[in-house]
Amino acid sequence: MIDFRKRVFSMLGSNKGLKKVDIVKHFAQEGSTRSTVYNITKRYEIGLPVEHRPGARRPTYFDRKNLK
């Protein structure tokens, strides 16, 4: 997924004249969902890095019954 984000980021950075719609259409032809590409473009516009922060995900479920 990080490789895909890097590709979208590089396309956004190198093609300032393209609209978001054109970039979304390009990656949709490759089989990506529109919402994924729009979320990545939003990360780019906000200025977030390509990689997620460590520990930013939901914690794992801890079940005491299965622990022995």
PDB file of N, CA and C in Angstrom:
ATOM      1  N   MET A   1       0.820  -1.196   0.000  1.00  0.00           N
ATOM      2  CA  MET A   1       0.000   0.000   0.000  1.00  0.00           C
ATOM      3  C   MET A   1       0.863   1.259   0.000  1.00  0.00           C
ATOM      4  N   ILE A   2       2.017   1.186   0.660  1.00  0.00           N
ATOM      5  CA  ILE A   2       2.887   2.362   0.705  1.00  0.00           C
ATOM      6  C   ILE A   2       3.414   2.675  -0.694  1.00  0.00           C
ATOM      7  N   ASP A   3       3.697   1.629  -1.482  1.00  0.00           N
ATOM      8  CA  ASP A   3       4.169   1.859  -2.848  1.00  0.00           C
ATOM      9  C   ASP A   3       3.106   2.579  -3.680  1.00  0.00           C
ATOM     10  N   PHE A   4       1.859   2.184  -3.486  1.00  0.00           N
ATOM     11  CA  PHE A   4       0.774   2.841  -4.218  1.00  0.00           C
ATOM     12  C   PHE A   4       0.657   4.301  -3.797  1.00  0.00           C
ATOM     13  N   ARG A   5       0.753   4.557  -2.485  1.00  0.00           N
ATOM     14  CA  ARG A   5       0.696   5.941  -1.996  1.00  0.00           C
ATOM     15  C   ARG A   5       1.838   6.765  -2.574  1.00  0.00           C
ATOM     16  N   LYS A   6       3.018   6.163  -2.662  1.00  0.00           N
ATOM     17  CA  LYS A   6       4.163   6.883  -3.230  1.00  0.00           C
ATOM     18  C   LYS A   6       3.917   7.242  -4.689  1.00  0.00           C
ATOM     19  N   ARG A   7       3.292   6.332  -5.433  1.00  0.00           N
ATOM     20  CA  ARG A   7       2.983   6.611  -6.834  1.00  0.00           C
ATOM     21  C   ARG A   7       1.999   7.764  -6.959  1.00  0.00           C
ATOM     22  N   VAL A   8       0.973   7.766  -6.112  1.00  0.00           N
ATOM     23  CA  VAL A   8      -0.017   8.851  -6.164  1.00  0.00           C
ATOM     24  C   VAL A   8       0.637  10.165  -5.750  1.00  0.00           C
ATOM     25  N   PHE A   9       1.454  10.138  -4.684  1.00  0.00           N
ATOM     26  CA  PHE A   9       2.142  11.349  -4.237  1.00  0.00           C
ATOM     27  C   PHE A   9       3.041  11.899  -5.344  1.00  0.00           C
ATOM     28  N   SER A  10       3.771  11.018  -6.027  1.00  0.00           N
ATOM     29  CA  SER A  10       4.674  11.504  -7.071  1.00  0.00           C
ATOM     30  C   SER A  10       3.897  12.077  -8.249  1.00  0.00           C
ATOM     31  N   MET A  11       2.757  11.482  -8.560  1.00  0.00           N
ATOM     32  CA  MET A  11       1.941  12.015  -9.651  1.00  0.00           C
ATOM     33  C   MET A  11       1.361  13.374  -9.270  1.00  0.00           C
ATOM     34  N   LEU A  12       0.967  13.537  -8.019  1.00  0.00           N
ATOM     35  CA  LEU A  12       0.442  14.825  -7.568  1.00  0.00           C
ATOM     36  C   LEU A  12       1.532  15.890  -7.565  1.00  0.00           C
ATOM     37  N   GLY A  13       2.739  15.500  -7.179  1.00  0.00           N
ATOM     38  CA  GLY A  13       3.830  16.461  -7.100  1.00  0.00           C
ATOM     39  C   GLY A  13       4.382  16.870  -8.449  1.00  0.00           C
ATOM     40  N   SER A  14       4.418  15.938  -9.390  1.00  0.00           N
ATOM     41  CA  SER A  14       5.043  16.242 -10.675  1.00  0.00           C
ATOM     42  C   SER A  14       4.078  16.855 -11.685  1.00  0.00           C
ATOM     43  N   ASN A  15       2.789  16.641 -11.495  1.00  0.00           N
ATOM     44  CA  ASN A  15       1.795  17.139 -12.452  1.00  0.00           C
ATOM     45  C   ASN A  15       0.868  18.136 -11.773  1.00  0.00           C
ATOM     46  N   LYS A  16       1.362  19.324 -11.558  1.00  0.00           N
ATOM     47  CA  LYS A  16       0.558  20.342 -10.877  1.00  0.00           C
ATOM     48  C   LYS A  16      -0.638  20.787 -11.712  1.00  0.00           C
ATOM     49  N   GLY A  17      -0.574  20.629 -13.029  1.00  0.00           N
ATOM     50  CA  GLY A  17      -1.650  21.075 -13.895  1.00  0.00           C
ATOM     51  C   GLY A  17      -2.833  20.116 -13.947  1.00  0.00           C
ATOM     52  N   LEU A  18      -2.630  18.887 -13.499  1.00  0.00           N
ATOM     53  CA  LEU A  18      -3.719  17.909 -13.535  1.00  0.00           C
ATOM     54  C   LEU A  18      -4.705  18.147 -12.405  1.00  0.00           C
ATOM     55  N   LYS A  19      -5.957  17.883 -12.687  1.00  0.00           N
ATOM     56  CA  LYS A  19      -6.982  17.967 -11.654  1.00  0.00           C
ATOM     57  C   LYS A  19      -7.030  16.648 -10.895  1.00  0.00           C
ATOM     58  N   LYS A  20      -7.616  16.698  -9.711  1.00  0.00           N
ATOM     59  CA  LYS A  20      -7.763  15.478  -8.920  1.00  0.00           C
ATOM     60  C   LYS A  20      -8.574  14.433  -9.665  1.00  0.00           C
ATOM     61  N   VAL A  21      -9.577  14.887 -10.384  1.00  0.00           N
ATOM     62  CA  VAL A  21     -10.448  13.966 -11.120  1.00  0.00           C
ATOM     63  C   VAL A  21      -9.645  13.169 -12.145  1.00  0.00           C
ATOM     64  N   ASP A  22      -8.712  13.830 -12.818  1.00  0.00           N
ATOM     65  CA  ASP A  22      -7.899  13.147 -13.821  1.00  0.00           C
ATOM     66  C   ASP A  22      -6.995  12.096 -13.182  1.00  0.00           C
ATOM     67  N   ILE A  23      -6.428  12.427 -12.030  1.00  0.00           N
ATOM     68  CA  ILE A  23      -5.562  11.479 -11.332  1.00  0.00           C
ATOM     69  C   ILE A  23      -6.374  10.289 -10.833  1.00  0.00           C
ATOM     70  N   VAL A  24      -7.567  10.556 -10.315  1.00  0.00           N
ATOM     71  CA  VAL A  24      -8.431   9.478  -9.836  1.00  0.00           C
ATOM     72  C   VAL A  24      -8.831   8.573 -10.993  1.00  0.00           C
ATOM     73  N   LYS A  25      -9.168   9.146 -12.130  1.00  0.00           N
ATOM     74  CA  LYS A  25      -9.534   8.342 -13.299  1.00  0.00           C
ATOM     75  C   LYS A  25      -8.370   7.470 -13.753  1.00  0.00           C
ATOM     76  N   HIS A  26      -7.160   8.023 -13.705  1.00  0.00           N
ATOM     77  CA  HIS A  26      -5.976   7.269 -14.111  1.00  0.00           C
ATOM     78  C   HIS A  26      -5.802   6.024 -13.250  1.00  0.00           C
ATOM     79  N   PHE A  27      -5.881   6.195 -11.934  1.00  0.00           N
ATOM     80  CA  PHE A  27      -5.680   5.054 -11.040  1.00  0.00           C
ATOM     81  C   PHE A  27      -6.898   4.143 -10.992  1.00  0.00           C
ATOM     82  N   ALA A  28      -8.069   4.655 -11.303  1.00  0.00           N
ATOM     83  CA  ALA A  28      -9.265   3.807 -11.370  1.00  0.00           C
ATOM     84  C   ALA A  28      -9.166   2.852 -12.550  1.00  0.00           C
ATOM     85  N   GLN A  29      -8.545   3.284 -13.620  1.00  0.00           N
ATOM     86  CA  GLN A  29      -8.340   2.398 -14.767  1.00  0.00           C
ATOM     87  C   GLN A  29      -7.395   1.255 -14.424  1.00  0.00           C
ATOM     88  N   GLU A  30      -6.533   1.465 -13.434  1.00  0.00           N
ATOM     89  CA  GLU A  30      -5.630   0.409 -12.983  1.00  0.00           C
ATOM     90  C   GLU A  30      -6.305  -0.538 -11.997  1.00  0.00           C
ATOM     91  N   GLY A  31      -7.510  -0.187 -11.549  1.00  0.00           N
ATOM     92  CA  GLY A  31      -8.243  -1.070 -10.650  1.00  0.00           C
ATOM     93  C   GLY A  31      -8.353  -0.581  -9.218  1.00  0.00           C
ATOM     94  N   SER A  32      -7.869   0.599  -8.921  1.00  0.00           N
ATOM     95  CA  SER A  32      -7.969   1.148  -7.568  1.00  0.00           C
ATOM     96  C   SER A  32      -9.328   1.806  -7.378  1.00  0.00           C
ATOM     97  N   THR A  33      -9.787   1.833  -6.139  1.00  0.00           N
ATOM     98  CA  THR A  33     -11.065   2.479  -5.866  1.00  0.00           C
ATOM     99  C   THR A  33     -10.875   3.991  -5.808  1.00  0.00           C
ATOM    100  N   ARG A  34     -11.927   4.701  -6.169  1.00  0.00           N
ATOM    101  CA  ARG A  34     -11.868   6.164  -6.167  1.00  0.00           C
ATOM    102  C   ARG A  34     -11.650   6.706  -4.765  1.00  0.00           C
ATOM    103  N   SER A  35     -12.319   6.113  -3.787  1.00  0.00           N
ATOM    104  CA  SER A  35     -12.207   6.623  -2.420  1.00  0.00           C
ATOM    105  C   SER A  35     -10.782   6.495  -1.891  1.00  0.00           C
ATOM    106  N   THR A  36     -10.082   5.426  -2.259  1.00  0.00           N
ATOM    107  CA  THR A  36      -8.699   5.260  -1.823  1.00  0.00           C
ATOM    108  C   THR A  36      -7.822   6.366  -2.389  1.00  0.00           C
ATOM    109  N   VAL A  37      -7.983   6.649  -3.660  1.00  0.00           N
ATOM    110  CA  VAL A  37      -7.163   7.685  -4.293  1.00  0.00           C
ATOM    111  C   VAL A  37      -7.503   9.058  -3.725  1.00  0.00           C
ATOM    112  N   TYR A  38      -8.782   9.318  -3.480  1.00  0.00           N
ATOM    113  CA  TYR A  38      -9.163  10.599  -2.874  1.00  0.00           C
ATOM    114  C   TYR A  38      -8.599  10.734  -1.460  1.00  0.00           C
ATOM    115  N   ASN A  39      -8.587   9.653  -0.686  1.00  0.00           N
ATOM    116  CA  ASN A  39      -8.009   9.705   0.659  1.00  0.00           C
ATOM    117  C   ASN A  39      -6.511   9.988   0.604  1.00  0.00           C
ATOM    118  N   ILE A  40      -5.825   9.401  -0.363  1.00  0.00           N
ATOM    119  CA  ILE A  40      -4.390   9.644  -0.497  1.00  0.00           C
ATOM    120  C   ILE A  40      -4.132  11.081  -0.930  1.00  0.00           C
ATOM    121  N   THR A  41      -4.954  11.613  -1.834  1.00  0.00           N
ATOM    122  CA  THR A  41      -4.769  13.009  -2.242  1.00  0.00           C
ATOM    123  C   THR A  41      -5.043  13.959  -1.082  1.00  0.00           C
ATOM    124  N   LYS A  42      -5.967  13.595  -0.222  1.00  0.00           N
ATOM    125  CA  LYS A  42      -6.232  14.417   0.959  1.00  0.00           C
ATOM    126  C   LYS A  42      -5.014  14.429   1.882  1.00  0.00           C
ATOM    127  N   ARG A  43      -4.361  13.262   2.061  1.00  0.00           N
ATOM    128  CA  ARG A  43      -3.131  13.200   2.861  1.00  0.00           C
ATOM    129  C   ARG A  43      -2.070  14.118   2.263  1.00  0.00           C
ATOM    130  N   TYR A  44      -1.968  14.124   0.945  1.00  0.00           N
ATOM    131  CA  TYR A  44      -0.977  14.960   0.264  1.00  0.00           C
ATOM    132  C   TYR A  44      -1.266  16.440   0.489  1.00  0.00           C
ATOM    133  N   GLU A  45      -2.532  16.819   0.367  1.00  0.00           N
ATOM    134  CA  GLU A  45      -2.908  18.227   0.517  1.00  0.00           C
ATOM    135  C   GLU A  45      -2.700  18.726   1.941  1.00  0.00           C
ATOM    136  N   ILE A  46      -2.955  17.874   2.915  1.00  0.00           N
ATOM    137  CA  ILE A  46      -2.776  18.259   4.315  1.00  0.00           C
ATOM    138  C   ILE A  46      -1.294  18.366   4.657  1.00  0.00           C
ATOM    139  N   GLY A  47      -0.478  17.583   3.971  1.00  0.00           N
ATOM    140  CA  GLY A  47       0.956  17.603   4.233  1.00  0.00           C
ATOM    141  C   GLY A  47       1.425  16.443   5.078  1.00  0.00           C
ATOM    142  N   LEU A  48       0.615  15.389   5.176  1.00  0.00           N
ATOM    143  CA  LEU A  48       1.012  14.211   5.936  1.00  0.00           C
ATOM    144  C   LEU A  48       2.014  13.392   5.134  1.00  0.00           C
ATOM    145  N   PRO A  49       2.894  12.656   5.811  1.00  0.00           N
ATOM    146  CA  PRO A  49       3.869  11.842   5.084  1.00  0.00           C
ATOM    147  C   PRO A  49       3.218  10.631   4.422  1.00  0.00           C
ATOM    148  N   VAL A  50       3.971   9.979   3.558  1.00  0.00           N
ATOM    149  CA  VAL A  50       3.466   8.803   2.848  1.00  0.00           C
ATOM    150  C   VAL A  50       3.199   7.669   3.834  1.00  0.00           C
ATOM    151  N   GLU A  51       4.111   7.464   4.779  1.00  0.00           N
ATOM    152  CA  GLU A  51       3.967   6.394   5.752  1.00  0.00           C
ATOM    153  C   GLU A  51       3.066   6.836   6.898  1.00  0.00           C
ATOM    154  N   HIS A  52       2.362   5.867   7.468  1.00  0.00           N
ATOM    155  CA  HIS A  52       1.561   6.151   8.654  1.00  0.00           C
ATOM    156  C   HIS A  52       2.477   6.234   9.870  1.00  0.00           C
ATOM    157  N   ARG A  53       2.009   6.913  10.894  1.00  0.00           N
ATOM    158  CA  ARG A  53       2.763   6.967  12.140  1.00  0.00           C
ATOM    159  C   ARG A  53       2.747   5.588  12.789  1.00  0.00           C
ATOM    160  N   PRO A  54       3.829   5.191  13.437  1.00  0.00           N
ATOM    161  CA  PRO A  54       3.795   3.908  14.145  1.00  0.00           C
ATOM    162  C   PRO A  54       2.840   3.991  15.326  1.00  0.00           C
ATOM    163  N   GLY A  55       2.060   2.959  15.507  1.00  0.00           N
ATOM    164  CA  GLY A  55       1.105   2.928  16.607  1.00  0.00           C
ATOM    165  C   GLY A  55      -0.175   3.673  16.330  1.00  0.00           C
ATOM    166  N   ALA A  56      -0.407   4.074  15.108  1.00  0.00           N
ATOM    167  CA  ALA A  56      -1.607   4.839  14.790  1.00  0.00           C
ATOM    168  C   ALA A  56      -2.807   3.940  14.501  1.00  0.00           C
ATOM    169  N   ARG A  57      -2.595   2.649  14.532  1.00  0.00           N
ATOM    170  CA  ARG A  57      -3.682   1.725  14.228  1.00  0.00           C
ATOM    171  C   ARG A  57      -4.436   1.336  15.486  1.00  0.00           C
ATOM    172  N   ARG A  58      -5.530   0.648  15.284  1.00  0.00           N
ATOM    173  CA  ARG A  58      -6.334   0.173  16.398  1.00  0.00           C
ATOM    174  C   ARG A  58      -5.564  -0.910  17.153  1.00  0.00           C
ATOM    175  N   PRO A  59      -5.589  -0.877  18.484  1.00  0.00           N
ATOM    176  CA  PRO A  59      -4.887  -1.909  19.253  1.00  0.00           C
ATOM    177  C   PRO A  59      -5.501  -3.287  19.020  1.00  0.00           C
ATOM    178  N   THR A  60      -4.694  -4.316  19.187  1.00  0.00           N
ATOM    179  CA  THR A  60      -5.190  -5.673  19.007  1.00  0.00           C
ATOM    180  C   THR A  60      -6.139  -6.044  20.135  1.00  0.00           C
ATOM    181  N   TYR A  61      -7.027  -6.974  19.841  1.00  0.00           N
ATOM    182  CA  TYR A  61      -8.013  -7.424  20.815  1.00  0.00           C
ATOM    183  C   TYR A  61      -7.345  -8.401  21.764  1.00  0.00           C
ATOM    184  N   PHE A  62      -7.533  -8.222  23.055  1.00  0.00           N
ATOM    185  CA  PHE A  62      -6.945  -9.082  24.070  1.00  0.00           C
ATOM    186  C   PHE A  62      -8.054  -9.881  24.724  1.00  0.00           C
ATOM    187  N   ASP A  63      -7.993 -11.199  24.614  1.00  0.00           N
ATOM    188  CA  ASP A  63      -9.016 -12.080  25.153  1.00  0.00           C
ATOM    189  C   ASP A  63      -8.399 -12.927  26.259  1.00  0.00           C
ATOM    190  N   ARG A  64      -8.842 -12.740  27.481  1.00  0.00           N
ATOM    191  CA  ARG A  64      -8.274 -13.471  28.615  1.00  0.00           C
ATOM    192  C   ARG A  64      -8.633 -14.953  28.595  1.00  0.00           C
ATOM    193  N   LYS A  65      -9.765 -15.320  27.974  1.00  0.00           N
ATOM    194  CA  LYS A  65     -10.174 -16.724  27.952  1.00  0.00           C
ATOM    195  C   LYS A  65      -9.191 -17.590  27.172  1.00  0.00           C
ATOM    196  N   ASN A  66      -8.650 -17.069  26.100  1.00  0.00           N
ATOM    197  CA  ASN A  66      -7.753 -17.844  25.251  1.00  0.00           C
ATOM    198  C   ASN A  66      -6.309 -17.797  25.714  1.00  0.00           C
ATOM    199  N   LEU A  67      -6.025 -17.067  26.748  1.00  0.00           N
ATOM    200  CA  LEU A  67      -4.671 -16.924  27.253  1.00  0.00           C
ATOM    201  C   LEU A  67      -4.369 -18.006  28.276  1.00  0.00           C
ATOM    202  N   LYS A  68      -3.315 -18.751  28.102  1.00  0.00           N
ATOM    203  CA  LYS A  68      -2.891 -19.779  29.079  1.00  0.00           C
ATOM    204  C   LYS A  68      -1.407 -19.871  29.141  1.00  0.00           C
TER     205      LYS A  68
END
